[in-house]
C-alpha atoms as a PDB file:
ATOM      1  CA  MET A   1    -205.670 -97.868-110.881  1.00  0.00           C
ATOM      2  CA  ARG A   2    -204.316 -95.843-113.447  1.00  0.00           C
ATOM      3  CA  CYS A   3    -202.085 -96.302-116.641  1.00  0.00           C
ATOM      4  CA  ARG A   4    -199.416 -93.705-117.153  1.00  0.00           C
ATOM      5  CA  ARG A   5    -198.844 -93.327-120.877  1.00  0.00           C
ATOM      6  CA  ARG A   6    -195.076 -93.391-121.633  1.00  0.00           C
ATOM      7  CA  GLY A   7    -194.135 -90.540-124.207  1.00  0.00           C
ATOM      8  CA  LEU A   8    -191.001 -90.742-126.690  1.00  0.00           C
ATOM      9  CA  SER A   9    -187.709 -89.635-124.977  1.00  0.00           C
ATOM     10  CA  MET A  10    -185.630 -86.988-126.811  1.00  0.00           C
ATOM     11  CA  ILE A  11    -183.157 -89.748-128.207  1.00  0.00           C
ATOM     12  CA  GLU A  12    -185.683 -91.794-129.391  1.00  0.00           C
ATOM     13  CA  VAL A  13    -187.263 -88.708-131.468  1.00  0.00           C
ATOM     14  CA  VAL A  14    -183.744 -87.793-132.730  1.00  0.00           C
ATOM     15  CA  THR A  15    -183.290 -91.769-133.732  1.00  0.00           C
ATOM     16  CA  VAL A  16    -186.731 -91.774-135.500  1.00  0.00           C
ATOM     17  CA  MET A  17    -185.940 -88.543-137.310  1.00  0.00           C
ATOM     18  CA  ALA A  18    -182.282 -89.544-138.345  1.00  0.00           C
ATOM     19  CA  LEU A  19    -183.940 -92.884-139.898  1.00  0.00           C
ATOM     20  CA  VAL A  20    -186.291 -90.507-141.784  1.00  0.00           C
ATOM     21  CA  ALA A  21    -183.794 -88.538-143.088  1.00  0.00           C
ATOM     22  CA  LEU A  22    -181.382 -91.599-144.143  1.00  0.00           C
ATOM     23  CA  LEU A  23    -184.579 -93.092-145.894  1.00  0.00           C
ATOM     24  CA  ALA A  24    -185.453 -89.919-147.816  1.00  0.00           C
ATOM     25  CA  ALA A  25    -181.530 -89.532-148.668  1.00  0.00           C
ATOM     26  CA  ILE A  26    -181.713 -93.357-150.136  1.00  0.00           C
ATOM     27  CA  LEU A  27    -185.140 -92.940-151.829  1.00  0.00           C
ATOM     28  CA  LEU A  28    -185.189 -89.535-153.336  1.00  0.00           C
ATOM     29  CA  PRO A  29    -182.200 -90.291-155.849  1.00  0.00           C
ATOM     30  CA  ALA A  30    -183.847 -93.280-156.798  1.00  0.00           C
ATOM     31  CA  ILE A  31    -187.101 -91.338-157.515  1.00  0.00           C
ATOM     32  CA  GLN A  32    -185.766 -88.579-159.080  1.00  0.00           C
ATOM     33  CA  ALA A  33    -183.887 -91.161-161.490  1.00  0.00           C
ATOM     34  CA  ALA A  34    -187.013 -93.101-162.247  1.00  0.00           C
ATOM     35  CA  ARG A  35    -188.930 -89.724-163.038  1.00  0.00           C
ATOM     36  CA  GLU A  36    -185.781 -88.893-165.388  1.00  0.00           C
ATOM     37  CA  SER A  37    -186.066 -92.179-166.867  1.00  0.00           C
ATOM     38  CA  GLY A  38    -189.827 -91.467-167.939  1.00  0.00           C
ATOM     39  CA  ARG A  39    -189.135 -88.068-169.096  1.00  0.00           C
ATOM     40  CA  ARG A  40    -186.214 -89.547-171.436  1.00  0.00           C
ATOM     41  CA  ILE A  41    -188.758 -91.999-172.685  1.00  0.00           C
ATOM     42  CA  ASN A  42    -191.260 -89.377-173.433  1.00  0.00           C
ATOM     43  CA  CYS A  43    -188.235 -87.519-175.262  1.00  0.00           C
ATOM     44  CA  ALA A  44    -187.724 -90.611-177.180  1.00  0.00           C
ATOM     45  CA  ALA A  45    -191.560 -90.860-178.404  1.00  0.00           C
ATOM     46  CA  ASN A  46    -191.450 -87.199-179.319  1.00  0.00           C
ATOM     47  CA  LEU A  47    -188.500 -87.850-181.754  1.00  0.00           C
ATOM     48  CA  ALA A  48    -189.997 -91.253-182.977  1.00  0.00           C
ATOM     49  CA  GLU A  49    -192.869 -89.056-184.287  1.00  0.00           C
ATOM     50  CA  ILE A  50    -190.979 -86.702-185.895  1.00  0.00           C
ATOM     51  CA  GLY A  51    -189.313 -89.777-187.535  1.00  0.00           C
ATOM     52  CA  LYS A  52    -192.890 -90.709-188.989  1.00  0.00           C
ATOM     53  CA  ALA A  53    -193.498 -87.509-190.225  1.00  0.00           C
ATOM     54  CA  LEU A  54    -190.058 -87.303-192.100  1.00  0.00           C
ATOM     55  CA  SER A  55    -190.847 -90.577-193.503  1.00  0.00           C
ATOM     56  CA  ALA A  56    -194.284 -89.327-194.634  1.00  0.00           C
ATOM     57  CA  HIS A  57    -192.738 -86.133-196.170  1.00  0.00           C
ATOM     58  CA  GLU A  58    -190.319 -88.320-198.233  1.00  0.00           C
ATOM     59  CA  ALA A  59    -193.120 -90.664-199.312  1.00  0.00           C
ATOM     60  CA  ASN A  60    -195.332 -87.655-200.571  1.00  0.00           C
ATOM     61  CA  GLN A  61    -192.848 -85.152-201.875  1.00  0.00           C
ATOM     62  CA  ARG A  62    -190.130 -87.941-202.856  1.00  0.00           C
ATOM     63  CA  ALA A  63    -187.477 -86.285-200.667  1.00  0.00           C
ATOM     64  CA  PHE A  64    -186.911 -85.265-197.048  1.00  0.00           C
ATOM     65  CA  PRO A  65    -187.136 -81.616-196.398  1.00  0.00           C
ATOM     66  CA  SER A  66    -184.049 -79.328-196.733  1.00  0.00           C
ATOM     67  CA  ALA A  67    -182.466 -77.716-194.114  1.00  0.00           C
ATOM     68  CA  VAL A  68    -183.614 -74.397-195.690  1.00  0.00           C
ATOM     69  CA  ARG A  69    -185.796 -74.353-199.092  1.00  0.00           C
ATOM     70  CA  ALA A  70    -184.646 -72.417-202.210  1.00  0.00           C
ATOM     71  CA  THR A  71    -186.716 -69.578-203.678  1.00  0.00           C
ATOM     72  CA  HIS A  72    -188.423 -69.997-206.733  1.00  0.00           C
ATOM     73  CA  ARG A  73    -186.448 -67.213-208.356  1.00  0.00           C
ATOM     74  CA  ASN A  74    -183.182 -68.343-207.534  1.00  0.00           C
ATOM     75  CA  PRO A  75    -182.184 -72.006-206.748  1.00  0.00           C
ATOM     76  CA  LEU A  76    -179.169 -70.549-205.028  1.00  0.00           C
ATOM     77  CA  GLU A  77    -180.664 -68.317-202.630  1.00  0.00           C
ATOM     78  CA  SER A  78    -183.653 -68.453-200.009  1.00  0.00           C
ATOM     79  CA  ASP A  79    -185.627 -65.620-198.435  1.00  0.00           C
ATOM     80  CA  GLN A  80    -187.697 -67.979-196.608  1.00  0.00           C
ATOM     81  CA  SER A  81    -185.511 -69.214-193.613  1.00  0.00           C
ATOM     82  CA  LEU A  82    -188.038 -71.873-192.465  1.00  0.00           C
ATOM     83  CA  SER A  83    -186.758 -74.672-190.738  1.00  0.00           C
ATOM     84  CA  PRO A  84    -187.629 -78.721-191.825  1.00  0.00           C
ATOM     85  CA  PHE A  85    -189.981 -78.489-189.082  1.00  0.00           C
ATOM     86  CA  VAL A  86    -192.462 -76.186-190.660  1.00  0.00           C
ATOM     87  CA  TYR A  87    -192.926 -78.737-193.637  1.00  0.00           C
ATOM     88  CA  LEU A  88    -193.340 -81.644-191.379  1.00  0.00           C
ATOM     89  CA  LEU A  89    -196.382 -79.859-189.126  1.00  0.00           C
ATOM     90  CA  PRO A  90    -198.812 -81.370-191.884  1.00  0.00           C
ATOM     91  CA  HIS A  91    -197.540 -84.966-191.034  1.00  0.00           C
ATOM     92  CA  LEU A  92    -197.577 -84.307-187.309  1.00  0.00           C
ATOM     93  CA  GLY A  93    -201.510 -83.590-186.946  1.00  0.00           C
ATOM     94  CA  ARG A  94    -200.897 -79.753-187.266  1.00  0.00           C
ATOM     95  CA  ALA A  95    -202.064 -78.895-190.691  1.00  0.00           C
ATOM     96  CA  ASP A  96    -204.074 -76.005-189.190  1.00  0.00           C
ATOM     97  CA  LEU A  97    -201.071 -74.641-188.087  1.00  0.00           C
ATOM     98  CA  PHE A  98    -199.021 -75.244-191.364  1.00  0.00           C
ATOM     99  CA  GLN A  99    -202.122 -73.491-193.187  1.00  0.00           C
ATOM    100  CA  THR A 100    -201.594 -70.334-191.311  1.00  0.00           C
ATOM    101  CA  ILE A 101    -197.904 -69.719-192.624  1.00  0.00           C
ATOM    102  CA  ASN A 102    -197.490 -67.809-195.817  1.00  0.00           C
ATOM    103  CA  LEU A 103    -194.928 -69.578-197.681  1.00  0.00           C
ATOM    104  CA  GLN A 104    -194.651 -66.801-200.203  1.00  0.00           C
ATOM    105  CA  GLN A 105    -193.641 -64.259-197.589  1.00  0.00           C
ATOM    106  CA  ASN A 106    -190.259 -63.099-197.050  1.00  0.00           C
ATOM    107  CA  HIS A 107    -189.733 -64.637-193.679  1.00  0.00           C
ATOM    108  CA  LEU A 108    -185.685 -63.950-193.833  1.00  0.00           C
ATOM    109  CA  TYR A 109    -186.412 -60.186-193.613  1.00  0.00           C
ATOM    110  CA  GLN A 110    -188.634 -60.964-190.668  1.00  0.00           C
ATOM    111  CA  TYR A 111    -186.194 -62.809-188.960  1.00  0.00           C
ATOM    112  CA  ILE A 112    -183.461 -60.201-189.312  1.00  0.00           C
ATOM    113  CA  ARG A 113    -185.801 -57.776-187.831  1.00  0.00           C
ATOM    114  CA  ALA A 114    -186.724 -60.117-184.922  1.00  0.00           C
ATOM    115  CA  ASP A 115    -190.616 -59.792-186.054  1.00  0.00           C
ATOM    116  CA  TRP A 116    -191.113 -63.662-186.037  1.00  0.00           C
ATOM    117  CA  GLY A 117    -194.947 -63.485-186.535  1.00  0.00           C
ATOM    118  CA  GLU A 118    -197.798 -65.396-184.933  1.00  0.00           C
ATOM    119  CA  ALA A 119    -197.029 -68.879-185.888  1.00  0.00           C
ATOM    120  CA  SER A 120    -193.387 -68.818-185.104  1.00  0.00           C
ATOM    121  CA  ASN A 121    -194.481 -67.808-181.500  1.00  0.00           C
ATOM    122  CA  ILE A 122    -196.784 -71.021-181.110  1.00  0.00           C
ATOM    123  CA  THR A 123    -195.416 -73.741-178.702  1.00  0.00           C
ATOM    124  CA  VAL A 124    -195.708 -77.109-180.339  1.00  0.00           C
ATOM    125  CA  ALA A 125    -195.489 -79.431-177.348  1.00  0.00           C
ATOM    126  CA  LEU A 126    -193.985 -82.349-179.612  1.00  0.00           C
ATOM    127  CA  PHE A 127    -190.943 -80.392-180.063  1.00  0.00           C
ATOM    128  CA  LEU A 128    -190.000 -79.793-176.528  1.00  0.00           C
ATOM    129  CA  CYS A 129    -188.287 -82.535-174.257  1.00  0.00           C
ATOM    130  CA  PRO A 130    -189.587 -82.609-170.836  1.00  0.00           C
ATOM    131  CA  SER A 131    -186.067 -82.787-169.377  1.00  0.00           C
ATOM    132  CA  ASP A 132    -185.240 -79.257-170.358  1.00  0.00           C
ATOM    133  CA  PRO A 133    -186.752 -76.771-168.040  1.00  0.00           C
ATOM    134  CA  VAL A 134    -188.621 -74.130-170.182  1.00  0.00           C
ATOM    135  CA  PRO A 135    -186.730 -70.473-170.061  1.00  0.00           C
ATOM    136  CA  ASP A 136    -188.575 -67.609-168.809  1.00  0.00           C
ATOM    137  CA  ASP A 137    -188.039 -65.465-172.094  1.00  0.00           C
ATOM    138  CA  GLY A 138    -191.545 -66.467-173.338  1.00  0.00           C
ATOM    139  CA  THR A 139    -190.356 -68.136-176.422  1.00  0.00           C
ATOM    140  CA  ALA A 140    -192.159 -71.355-178.251  1.00  0.00           C
ATOM    141  CA  GLY A 141    -189.199 -73.147-177.695  1.00  0.00           C
ATOM    142  CA  ASN A 142    -187.406 -76.217-179.594  1.00  0.00           C
ATOM    143  CA  ASN A 143    -185.391 -78.920-178.345  1.00  0.00           C
ATOM    144  CA  TYR A 144    -184.767 -81.215-181.791  1.00  0.00           C
ATOM    145  CA  ARG A 145    -182.265 -79.985-184.076  1.00  0.00           C
ATOM    146  CA  ALA A 146    -181.961 -81.343-187.400  1.00  0.00           C
ATOM    147  CA  CYS A 147    -178.413 -82.782-188.233  1.00  0.00           C
ATOM    148  CA  MET A 148    -175.992 -81.035-190.866  1.00  0.00           C
ATOM    149  CA  GLY A 149    -173.132 -83.375-190.677  1.00  0.00           C
ATOM    150  CA  PRO A 150    -169.853 -83.029-189.227  1.00  0.00           C
ATOM    151  CA  GLY A 151    -168.811 -79.603-189.484  1.00  0.00           C
ATOM    152  CA  ARG A 152    -169.875 -75.767-190.287  1.00  0.00           C
ATOM    153  CA  SER A 153    -172.144 -76.219-193.593  1.00  0.00           C
ATOM    154  CA  GLU A 154    -174.983 -73.990-194.405  1.00  0.00           C
ATOM    155  CA  PHE A 155    -174.762 -72.136-197.799  1.00  0.00           C
ATOM    156  CA  PRO A 156    -174.014 -73.759-201.381  1.00  0.00           C
ATOM    157  CA  SER A 157    -170.121 -72.745-200.969  1.00  0.00           C
ATOM    158  CA  TYR A 158    -170.178 -74.876-197.852  1.00  0.00           C
ATOM    159  CA  PRO A 159    -172.057 -77.888-198.926  1.00  0.00           C
ATOM    160  CA  SER A 160    -173.549 -80.264-196.283  1.00  0.00           C
ATOM    161  CA  SER A 161    -172.623 -83.941-196.245  1.00  0.00           C
ATOM    162  CA  GLY A 162    -175.223 -84.297-193.536  1.00  0.00           C
ATOM    163  CA  PRO A 163    -178.766 -85.616-194.167  1.00  0.00           C
ATOM    164  CA  PHE A 164    -179.831 -81.888-194.340  1.00  0.00           C
ATOM    165  CA  SER A 165    -178.648 -79.496-196.638  1.00  0.00           C
ATOM    166  CA  ALA A 166    -179.435 -75.622-197.271  1.00  0.00           C
ATOM    167  CA  LEU A 167    -181.335 -75.287-200.625  1.00  0.00           C
ATOM    168  CA  GLU A 168    -181.114 -78.947-201.359  1.00  0.00           C
ATOM    169  CA  SER A 169    -183.587 -81.949-200.565  1.00  0.00           C
ATOM    170  CA  HIS A 170    -182.293 -85.430-200.485  1.00  0.00           C
ATOM    171  CA  PRO A 171    -184.392 -88.389-201.533  1.00  0.00           C
ATOM    172  CA  ALA A 172    -183.868 -91.800-199.721  1.00  0.00           C
ATOM    173  CA  GLY A 173    -181.980 -93.199-202.400  1.00  0.00           C
ATOM    174  CA  ALA A 174    -179.049 -90.337-201.863  1.00  0.00           C
ATOM    175  CA  PHE A 175    -178.556 -92.087-198.337  1.00  0.00           C
ATOM    176  CA  ARG A 176    -175.633 -94.576-199.806  1.00  0.00           C
ATOM    177  CA  ASP A 177    -174.687 -94.940-196.216  1.00  0.00           C
ATOM    178  CA  GLY A 178    -177.895 -96.539-195.436  1.00  0.00           C
ATOM    179  CA  LEU A 179    -180.880 -94.732-193.648  1.00  0.00           C
ATOM    180  CA  SER A 180    -180.225 -96.737-190.868  1.00  0.00           C
ATOM    181  CA  ASN A 181    -176.585 -95.939-190.487  1.00  0.00           C
ATOM    182  CA  THR A 182    -177.296 -91.833-190.563  1.00  0.00           C
ATOM    183  CA  ILE A 183    -178.306 -89.785-187.701  1.00  0.00           C
ATOM    184  CA  ALA A 184    -181.226 -87.476-188.846  1.00  0.00           C
ATOM    185  CA  MET A 185    -181.805 -85.186-185.523  1.00  0.00           C
ATOM    186  CA  SER A 186    -180.760 -85.040-181.866  1.00  0.00           C
ATOM    187  CA  GLU A 187    -181.322 -83.129-178.858  1.00  0.00           C
ATOM    188  CA  LYS A 188    -180.221 -79.821-178.064  1.00  0.00           C
ATOM    189  CA  LEU A 189    -180.537 -77.884-174.571  1.00  0.00           C
ATOM    190  CA  ARG A 190    -182.496 -74.598-175.263  1.00  0.00           C
ATOM    191  CA  GLY A 191    -180.487 -71.580-174.257  1.00  0.00           C
ATOM    192  CA  GLY A 192    -180.735 -69.617-170.776  1.00  0.00           C
ATOM    193  CA  GLY A 193    -183.165 -66.983-171.806  1.00  0.00           C
ATOM    194  CA  ASN A 194    -181.329 -64.308-169.846  1.00  0.00           C
ATOM    195  CA  PRO A 195    -179.361 -61.764-172.241  1.00  0.00           C
ATOM    196  CA  ASP A 196    -177.559 -60.447-169.131  1.00  0.00           C
ATOM    197  CA  ARG A 197    -176.169 -63.629-167.779  1.00  0.00           C
ATOM    198  CA  TYR A 198    -174.302 -66.290-169.646  1.00  0.00           C
ATOM    199  CA  SER A 199    -175.462 -69.924-169.498  1.00  0.00           C
ATOM    200  CA  SER A 200    -173.534 -72.903-170.453  1.00  0.00           C
ATOM    201  CA  THR A 201    -176.492 -73.379-173.054  1.00  0.00           C
ATOM    202  CA  ASP A 202    -176.192 -70.115-174.755  1.00  0.00           C
ATOM    203  CA  PHE A 203    -173.576 -69.959-177.359  1.00  0.00           C
ATOM    204  CA  TRP A 204    -170.631 -67.408-177.892  1.00  0.00           C
ATOM    205  CA  PHE A 205    -169.851 -65.101-180.903  1.00  0.00           C
ATOM    206  CA  SER A 206    -166.529 -65.856-181.302  1.00  0.00           C
ATOM    207  CA  GLY A 207    -165.660 -63.210-183.900  1.00  0.00           C
ATOM    208  CA  ILE A 208    -162.856 -65.616-185.561  1.00  0.00           C
ATOM    209  CA  TYR A 209    -164.148 -65.218-188.665  1.00  0.00           C
ATOM    210  CA  ASP A 210    -163.461 -61.091-188.682  1.00  0.00           C
ATOM    211  CA  LEU A 211    -159.826 -61.928-187.118  1.00  0.00           C
ATOM    212  CA  LEU A 212    -158.992 -64.368-190.156  1.00  0.00           C
ATOM    213  CA  GLY A 213    -160.754 -62.887-192.751  1.00  0.00           C
ATOM    214  CA  ARG A 214    -162.120 -66.052-193.906  1.00  0.00           C
ATOM    215  CA  HIS A 215    -164.161 -68.918-192.168  1.00  0.00           C
ATOM    216  CA  PRO A 216    -161.891 -71.066-190.036  1.00  0.00           C
ATOM    217  CA  ASP A 217    -161.814 -74.872-190.830  1.00  0.00           C
ATOM    218  CA  LEU A 218    -163.342 -77.374-188.532  1.00  0.00           C
ATOM    219  CA  ASP A 219    -160.140 -77.775-185.939  1.00  0.00           C
ATOM    220  CA  GLN A 220    -159.106 -74.345-185.834  1.00  0.00           C
ATOM    221  CA  LEU A 221    -162.937 -73.545-185.213  1.00  0.00           C
ATOM    222  CA  ILE A 222    -162.971 -76.340-182.326  1.00  0.00           C
ATOM    223  CA  ASP A 223    -159.699 -75.061-180.742  1.00  0.00           C
ATOM    224  CA  VAL A 224    -161.264 -71.676-180.725  1.00  0.00           C
ATOM    225  CA  CYS A 225    -164.424 -72.519-179.027  1.00  0.00           C
ATOM    226  CA  GLY A 226    -162.578 -74.957-176.503  1.00  0.00           C
ATOM    227  CA  SER A 227    -160.863 -71.714-175.314  1.00  0.00           C
ATOM    228  CA  LEU A 228    -163.616 -69.539-174.427  1.00  0.00           C
ATOM    229  CA  GLN A 229    -164.322 -69.167-170.842  1.00  0.00           C
ATOM    230  CA  GLY A 230    -165.697 -66.966-168.697  1.00  0.00           C
ATOM    231  CA  GLN A 231    -168.379 -64.366-169.625  1.00  0.00           C
ATOM    232  CA  PRO A 232    -168.637 -63.739-173.135  1.00  0.00           C
ATOM    233  CA  ALA A 233    -168.489 -59.959-174.822  1.00  0.00           C
ATOM    234  CA  ASP A 234    -171.338 -61.312-177.181  1.00  0.00           C
ATOM    235  CA  PHE A 235    -173.570 -64.371-176.649  1.00  0.00           C
ATOM    236  CA  TYR A 236    -176.900 -65.479-177.627  1.00  0.00           C
ATOM    237  CA  ALA A 237    -179.441 -66.488-175.063  1.00  0.00           C
ATOM    238  CA  HIS A 238    -182.487 -67.638-176.950  1.00  0.00           C
ATOM    239  CA  ALA A 239    -181.018 -70.409-178.485  1.00  0.00           C
ATOM    240  CA  GLY A 240    -183.766 -72.911-179.653  1.00  0.00           C
ATOM    241  CA  GLY A 241    -186.419 -70.467-178.981  1.00  0.00           C
ATOM    242  CA  THR A 242    -188.332 -71.194-181.795  1.00  0.00           C
ATOM    243  CA  TRP A 243    -189.157 -74.266-184.103  1.00  0.00           C
ATOM    244  CA  PHE A 244    -189.921 -72.068-186.848  1.00  0.00           C
ATOM    245  CA  TYR A 245    -186.860 -70.710-188.351  1.00  0.00           C
ATOM    246  CA  ALA A 246    -183.842 -72.368-189.930  1.00  0.00           C
ATOM    247  CA  GLY A 247    -180.188 -71.982-188.751  1.00  0.00           C
ATOM    248  CA  TYR A 248    -177.940 -73.211-186.050  1.00  0.00           C
ATOM    249  CA  ASP A 249    -179.532 -70.285-183.517  1.00  0.00           C
ATOM    250  CA  HIS A 250    -182.696 -72.878-183.213  1.00  0.00           C
ATOM    251  CA  THR A 251    -183.375 -75.685-185.497  1.00  0.00           C
ATOM    252  CA  TRP A 252    -179.765 -77.106-186.619  1.00  0.00           C
ATOM    253  CA  TYR A 253    -176.904 -78.725-185.036  1.00  0.00           C
ATOM    254  CA  ASN A 254    -173.565 -80.545-186.162  1.00  0.00           C
ATOM    255  CA  HIS A 255    -171.163 -83.082-185.032  1.00  0.00           C
ATOM    256  CA  ALA A 256    -168.115 -81.142-184.609  1.00  0.00           C
ATOM    257  CA  VAL A 257    -167.526 -82.660-181.369  1.00  0.00           C
ATOM    258  CA  THR A 258    -169.519 -85.378-179.271  1.00  0.00           C
ATOM    259  CA  PRO A 259    -172.717 -84.712-177.290  1.00  0.00           C
ATOM    260  CA  ASN A 260    -172.345 -82.840-174.185  1.00  0.00           C
ATOM    261  CA  ALA A 261    -168.881 -82.154-174.744  1.00  0.00           C
ATOM    262  CA  LYS A 262    -167.108 -79.384-172.789  1.00  0.00           C
ATOM    263  CA  THR A 263    -166.131 -77.456-175.847  1.00  0.00           C
ATOM    264  CA  ALA A 264    -168.783 -74.254-175.700  1.00  0.00           C
ATOM    265  CA  ASP A 265    -171.045 -73.935-178.455  1.00  0.00           C
ATOM    266  CA  CYS A 266    -169.879 -70.936-180.498  1.00  0.00           C
ATOM    267  CA  SER A 267    -170.271 -69.288-183.995  1.00  0.00           C
ATOM    268  CA  ASP A 268    -167.807 -67.880-185.972  1.00  0.00           C
ATOM    269  CA  LEU A 269    -168.999 -64.742-186.323  1.00  0.00           C
ATOM    270  CA  THR A 270    -169.267 -61.766-184.335  1.00  0.00           C
ATOM    271  CA  ASP A 271    -172.507 -60.776-183.114  1.00  0.00           C
ATOM    272  CA  SER A 272    -174.300 -59.381-186.539  1.00  0.00           C
ATOM    273  CA  PRO A 273    -175.608 -55.939-186.309  1.00  0.00           C
ATOM    274  CA  TRP A 274    -178.818 -57.141-188.304  1.00  0.00           C
ATOM    275  CA  GLY A 275    -179.904 -60.061-186.135  1.00  0.00           C
ATOM    276  CA  HIS A 276    -178.752 -63.083-184.324  1.00  0.00           C
ATOM    277  CA  ILE A 277    -178.067 -64.992-187.272  1.00  0.00           C
ATOM    278  CA  SER A 278    -175.239 -67.932-187.184  1.00  0.00           C
ATOM    279  CA  THR A 279    -173.573 -69.222-190.528  1.00  0.00           C
ATOM    280  CA  GLY A 280    -171.607 -71.998-188.691  1.00  0.00           C
ATOM    281  CA  GLY A 281    -169.744 -73.069-185.691  1.00  0.00           C
ATOM    282  CA  VAL A 282    -169.633 -75.618-183.049  1.00  0.00           C
ATOM    283  CA  PHE A 283    -173.089 -76.579-182.233  1.00  0.00           C
ATOM    284  CA  LYS A 284    -173.449 -79.892-180.437  1.00  0.00           C
ATOM    285  CA  ALA A 285    -175.975 -82.248-179.284  1.00  0.00           C
ATOM    286  CA  SER A 286    -176.788 -82.014-175.804  1.00  0.00           C
ATOM    287  CA  SER A 287    -179.434 -83.142-173.114  1.00  0.00           C
ATOM    288  CA  TYR A 288    -179.969 -83.240-169.267  1.00  0.00           C
ATOM    289  CA  HIS A 289    -180.345 -87.104-169.606  1.00  0.00           C
ATOM    290  CA  PRO A 290    -177.533 -88.639-167.616  1.00  0.00           C
ATOM    291  CA  GLY A 291    -174.933 -89.822-169.893  1.00  0.00           C
ATOM    292  CA  GLY A 292    -176.002 -89.242-173.583  1.00  0.00           C
ATOM    293  CA  VAL A 293    -178.462 -87.881-176.146  1.00  0.00           C
ATOM    294  CA  ASN A 294    -181.725 -89.325-177.721  1.00  0.00           C
ATOM    295  CA  CYS A 295    -181.215 -89.594-181.509  1.00  0.00           C
ATOM    296  CA  LEU A 296    -183.352 -90.135-184.404  1.00  0.00           C
ATOM    297  CA  LEU A 297    -182.088 -92.152-187.349  1.00  0.00           C
ATOM    298  CA  MET A 298    -183.267 -91.632-191.096  1.00  0.00           C
ATOM    299  CA  ASP A 299    -185.331 -94.650-190.769  1.00  0.00           C
ATOM    300  CA  GLY A 300    -187.275 -93.676-188.036  1.00  0.00           C
ATOM    301  CA  VAL A 301    -185.554 -95.658-185.286  1.00  0.00           C
ATOM    302  CA  VAL A 302    -184.683 -93.603-182.153  1.00  0.00           C
ATOM    303  CA  ARG A 303    -181.231 -94.851-180.229  1.00  0.00           C
ATOM    304  CA  PHE A 304    -179.758 -93.186-177.111  1.00  0.00           C
ATOM    305  CA  VAL A 305    -176.260 -92.401-177.821  1.00  0.00           C
ATOM    306  CA  SER A 306    -173.503 -92.068-175.338  1.00  0.00           C
ATOM    307  CA  ASP A 307    -171.465 -89.160-174.334  1.00  0.00           C
ATOM    308  CA  GLY A 308    -168.468 -91.463-174.642  1.00  0.00           C
ATOM    309  CA  VAL A 309    -168.941 -92.422-178.269  1.00  0.00           C
ATOM    310  CA  ALA A 310    -165.913 -92.164-180.447  1.00  0.00           C
ATOM    311  CA  LEU A 311    -165.636 -88.814-182.456  1.00  0.00           C
ATOM    312  CA  ASP A 312    -165.097 -90.433-185.722  1.00  0.00           C
ATOM    313  CA  VAL A 313    -167.896 -92.759-185.236  1.00  0.00           C
ATOM    314  CA  TRP A 314    -170.222 -90.004-184.140  1.00  0.00           C
ATOM    315  CA  ARG A 315    -169.162 -87.971-187.495  1.00  0.00           C
ATOM    316  CA  ALA A 316    -169.614 -90.890-189.396  1.00  0.00           C
ATOM    317  CA  TYR A 317    -173.021 -91.466-188.751  1.00  0.00           C
ATOM    318  CA  SER A 318    -174.148 -87.687-189.231  1.00  0.00           C
ATOM    319  CA  THR A 319    -173.109 -88.041-193.069  1.00  0.00           C
ATOM    320  CA  ARG A 320    -175.630 -89.343-195.823  1.00  0.00           C
ATOM    321  CA  ALA A 321    -173.037 -90.861-198.274  1.00  0.00           C
ATOM    322  CA  GLY A 322    -169.852 -90.986-196.664  1.00  0.00           C
ATOM    323  CA  ALA A 323    -168.626 -94.451-197.036  1.00  0.00           C
ATOM    324  CA  GLU A 324    -166.955 -94.514-193.676  1.00  0.00           C
ATOM    325  CA  ALA A 325    -165.460 -97.765-192.860  1.00  0.00           C
ATOM    326  CA  LEU A 326    -166.670 -98.178-189.277  1.00  0.00           C
ATOM    327  CA  GLY A 327    -165.869-101.802-188.883  1.00  0.00           C
ATOM    328  CA  ASP A 328    -167.103-103.328-185.682  1.00  0.00           C
ATOM    329  CA  GLU A 329    -167.485-100.071-184.206  1.00  0.00           C
ATOM    330  CA  VAL A 330    -170.649 -99.558-181.843  1.00  0.00           C
ATOM    331  CA  ALA A 331    -171.987 -96.203-181.419  1.00  0.00           C
ATOM    332  CA  PHE A 332    -175.317 -96.870-179.873  1.00  0.00           C
END
């Protein structure tokens, strides 16, 4: 007596497929969220290592690194344009890379000619956040930025109130707000890498300096950057392309606006004829982590800061000696 095997009906097949699709719809977001949580933890771990290097530099040199070092010829000028990350290399296990860099070379001239040289094109994995996809422009890349304070500040005529200043190194004793109350570094997304197509992670050259005949004040600058929409006439697509050079282009940021604010990043300059060099503007902290950014405090602690942090609190944590009265406000 034969036993007839019964196959699945079309209705049963469709039902099973619908159940599989439903389970996938439920599980995939959870899996993606778990993966992003891991990436955020790894990103925070990178900042923690950089924080240890900052402390080691201060212990050895009696000061944290400057945003840009002064030359020996003139303490009010620099022709090096090397970022703080360069001087942290020996404390990050990359003394071999640091030793290949000629500190006597005129790196500013190299930067203007966009001839970055061998060391500047080497990728240092510790400077990359795994949540930010690598652009296709072949750059070494950098996701971590030195805090320059609440507004535009680069040269001696615009002294920085932040933890990093151009041409000036600050010892731990200069942080009268306390190392635990001052943000040293945060994250910033790299540019899209395509000079023919603007990405929201690129920055505009607003031209407001040429229009006014002077650098705008911070409120004017924020209004201008907030009004920019559409396709820019001039923009920089390779932001965060290197850890090697100082400047808002690649290794600095400010607290003009809150993390991941909708205000576009923008320079107060028109696109420079001698190279993409920005003296100031709105350059916000940003990340692909849902809800905020990782921040490194000067004492080496890493905290996650919400996008919803109050602007006055966010700015207060970007100064080293502002004596701001925070009261019971909680930023983290």
